[in-house]
Amino acid sequence: MLNLDTNNHAVFDLNYHLILVVKYRRQVLADDVMAAFATMASHIGEAHGVVVKECNSEKDHVRLLLRTKPNTHMSVFVNSLKGATSRVLKRQFPAIRKKLWKECLWSGSYCLITVGGAPSEVVRQYIESQGEGQKGCR
């Protein structure tokens, strides 16, 4: 069964897959660094109305599964997450600074992908089949 969120005017289920890559793909995300990152991500998420459902990494990138609300500005959340974690993790783990050429921990870009219960092609076909014989929105 689908677990839906609600507010006063909507019913929704908004999930995102976020990928952050370490600058220059440096291998700096050790287990202790990731534990600190995961804690910070949860706290920053709470402040932005984002729930971190999953968080895991390789040594050079991190992947998060996020759940949020329609009024959440994901770009603001991601920029807050990148900025705060970069500052704090470099201060807590000085070895990170030694592996990076400049001050930034994260690459300037990120990947944010919507995650849903059905592939978009299935949803497109479902919408296309509604009101057979009637004109569509094309």
Protein backbone atom coordinates (compact mmCIF):
# COMPACT_ATOMS: atom_id res chain seq x y z
CA MET A 1 0.00 0.00 0.00
CA LEU A 2 1.20 3.49 -0.84
CA ASN A 3 2.20 5.63 2.14
CA LEU A 4 1.02 9.16 1.28
CA ASP A 5 1.72 12.45 3.04
CA THR A 6 -0.92 15.15 3.31
CA ASN A 7 -1.27 18.81 4.08
CA ASN A 8 -4.33 21.09 4.02
CA HIS A 9 -4.73 21.01 0.25
CA ALA A 10 -2.81 18.05 -1.17
CA VAL A 11 -1.93 14.40 -0.96
CA PHE A 12 1.60 13.55 -2.06
CA ASP A 13 4.51 11.13 -2.06
CA LEU A 14 7.66 13.01 -3.10
CA ASN A 15 10.94 11.11 -3.03
CA TYR A 16 14.32 12.10 -4.46
CA HIS A 17 17.64 10.38 -5.03
CA LEU A 18 20.48 12.86 -4.39
CA ILE A 19 24.07 12.20 -5.38
CA LEU A 20 26.90 14.45 -4.18
CA VAL A 21 30.41 13.92 -5.54
CA VAL A 22 33.60 14.88 -3.72
CA LYS A 23 35.63 17.51 -5.58
CA TYR A 24 38.20 15.88 -7.90
CA ARG A 25 36.70 12.51 -6.87
CA ARG A 26 39.09 12.45 -3.91
CA GLN A 27 38.66 9.38 -1.69
CA VAL A 28 37.89 11.14 1.61
CA LEU A 29 34.58 9.69 2.81
CA ALA A 30 35.77 7.23 5.44
CA ASP A 31 33.28 5.61 7.82
CA ASP A 32 33.75 8.23 10.56
CA VAL A 33 33.30 11.07 8.06
CA MET A 34 30.12 9.46 6.73
CA ALA A 35 28.70 8.99 10.23
CA ALA A 36 29.17 12.72 10.85
CA PHE A 37 27.74 13.56 7.42
CA ALA A 38 24.63 11.41 7.98
CA THR A 39 23.90 13.10 11.32
CA MET A 40 24.31 16.55 9.79
CA ALA A 41 22.17 15.64 6.76
CA SER A 42 19.31 14.60 9.05
CA HIS A 43 19.51 17.85 11.06
CA ILE A 44 19.72 20.05 7.96
CA GLY A 45 16.88 18.06 6.41
CA GLU A 46 14.64 18.71 9.42
CA ALA A 47 15.23 22.44 9.05
CA HIS A 48 14.16 22.27 5.38
CA GLY A 49 11.26 19.83 5.66
CA VAL A 50 13.27 16.96 4.18
CA VAL A 51 13.47 13.46 5.68
CA VAL A 52 16.64 11.49 4.97
CA LYS A 53 15.36 7.94 4.47
CA GLU A 54 18.69 6.40 3.43
CA CYS A 55 22.27 7.65 3.31
CA ASN A 56 25.28 5.72 2.07
CA SER A 57 28.52 6.34 0.24
CA GLU A 58 31.58 5.18 -1.57
CA LYS A 59 34.86 6.92 -0.72
CA ASP A 60 34.26 9.64 -3.35
CA HIS A 61 30.49 10.23 -3.43
CA VAL A 62 27.40 10.04 -1.27
CA ARG A 63 23.86 8.92 -2.14
CA LEU A 64 20.75 9.92 -0.24
CA LEU A 65 17.11 8.92 -0.52
CA LEU A 66 14.98 11.89 0.54
CA ARG A 67 11.28 12.42 1.21
CA THR A 68 9.84 15.91 1.13
CA LYS A 69 6.81 18.15 0.70
CA PRO A 70 5.63 20.09 -2.36
CA ASN A 71 6.69 23.47 -0.94
CA THR A 72 10.30 22.39 -0.29
CA HIS A 73 12.90 24.20 -2.37
CA MET A 74 15.27 21.33 -3.10
CA SER A 75 18.01 23.53 -4.55
CA VAL A 76 18.07 25.56 -1.31
CA PHE A 77 18.25 22.36 0.73
CA VAL A 78 21.05 20.89 -1.40
CA ASN A 79 23.10 24.10 -1.26
CA SER A 80 22.66 24.29 2.52
CA LEU A 81 23.65 20.64 2.87
CA LYS A 82 26.75 21.02 0.70
CA GLY A 83 27.88 24.25 2.35
CA ALA A 84 27.38 23.22 5.96
CA THR A 85 28.81 19.71 5.60
CA SER A 86 31.83 21.04 3.72
CA ARG A 87 32.68 23.53 6.46
CA VAL A 88 32.08 21.22 9.41
CA LEU A 89 33.61 18.04 7.99
CA LYS A 90 36.83 19.82 6.95
CA ARG A 91 37.10 21.30 10.44
CA GLN A 92 36.36 17.97 12.20
CA PHE A 93 38.55 15.88 9.87
CA PRO A 94 41.65 17.90 8.89
CA ALA A 95 42.91 15.07 6.66
CA ILE A 96 40.16 16.00 4.19
CA ARG A 97 41.78 19.41 3.58
CA LYS A 98 45.09 17.78 2.72
CA LYS A 99 43.50 15.77 -0.11
CA LEU A 100 41.73 18.73 -1.73
CA TRP A 101 43.39 21.51 -3.71
CA LYS A 102 40.92 24.20 -2.75
CA GLU A 103 38.43 24.85 0.01
CA CYS A 104 35.46 23.00 -1.52
CA LEU A 105 34.64 19.49 -0.35
CA TRP A 106 31.89 18.88 -2.92
CA SER A 107 31.86 19.22 -6.68
CA GLY A 108 29.97 22.31 -7.87
CA SER A 109 27.26 20.13 -9.40
CA TYR A 110 24.92 17.49 -8.01
CA CYS A 111 22.44 14.93 -9.32
CA LEU A 112 18.83 15.04 -8.08
CA ILE A 113 16.44 12.46 -9.49
CA THR A 114 12.79 11.94 -8.66
CA VAL A 115 11.92 8.48 -7.42
CA GLY A 116 8.43 7.11 -7.82
CA GLY A 117 6.43 3.93 -7.45
CA ALA A 118 5.91 3.48 -11.19
CA PRO A 119 8.24 4.22 -14.11
CA SER A 120 7.33 7.39 -16.02
CA GLU A 121 6.47 5.39 -19.14
CA VAL A 122 3.84 3.41 -17.20
CA VAL A 123 2.34 6.68 -15.87
CA ARG A 124 2.39 8.20 -19.37
CA GLN A 125 0.53 5.17 -20.79
CA TYR A 126 -1.99 5.31 -17.94
CA ILE A 127 -2.71 8.99 -18.54
CA GLU A 128 -2.88 8.39 -22.29
CA SER A 129 -5.48 5.64 -21.81
CA GLN A 130 -7.77 7.81 -19.66
CA GLY A 131 -10.90 9.10 -21.42
CA GLU A 132 -10.34 6.93 -24.51
CA GLY A 133 -11.77 8.74 -27.53
CA GLN A 134 -11.50 12.21 -25.98
CA LYS A 135 -8.95 14.83 -27.02
CA GLY A 136 -5.83 14.98 -24.87
CA CYS A 137 -3.68 17.86 -23.67
CA ARG A 138 -1.16 17.67 -26.50
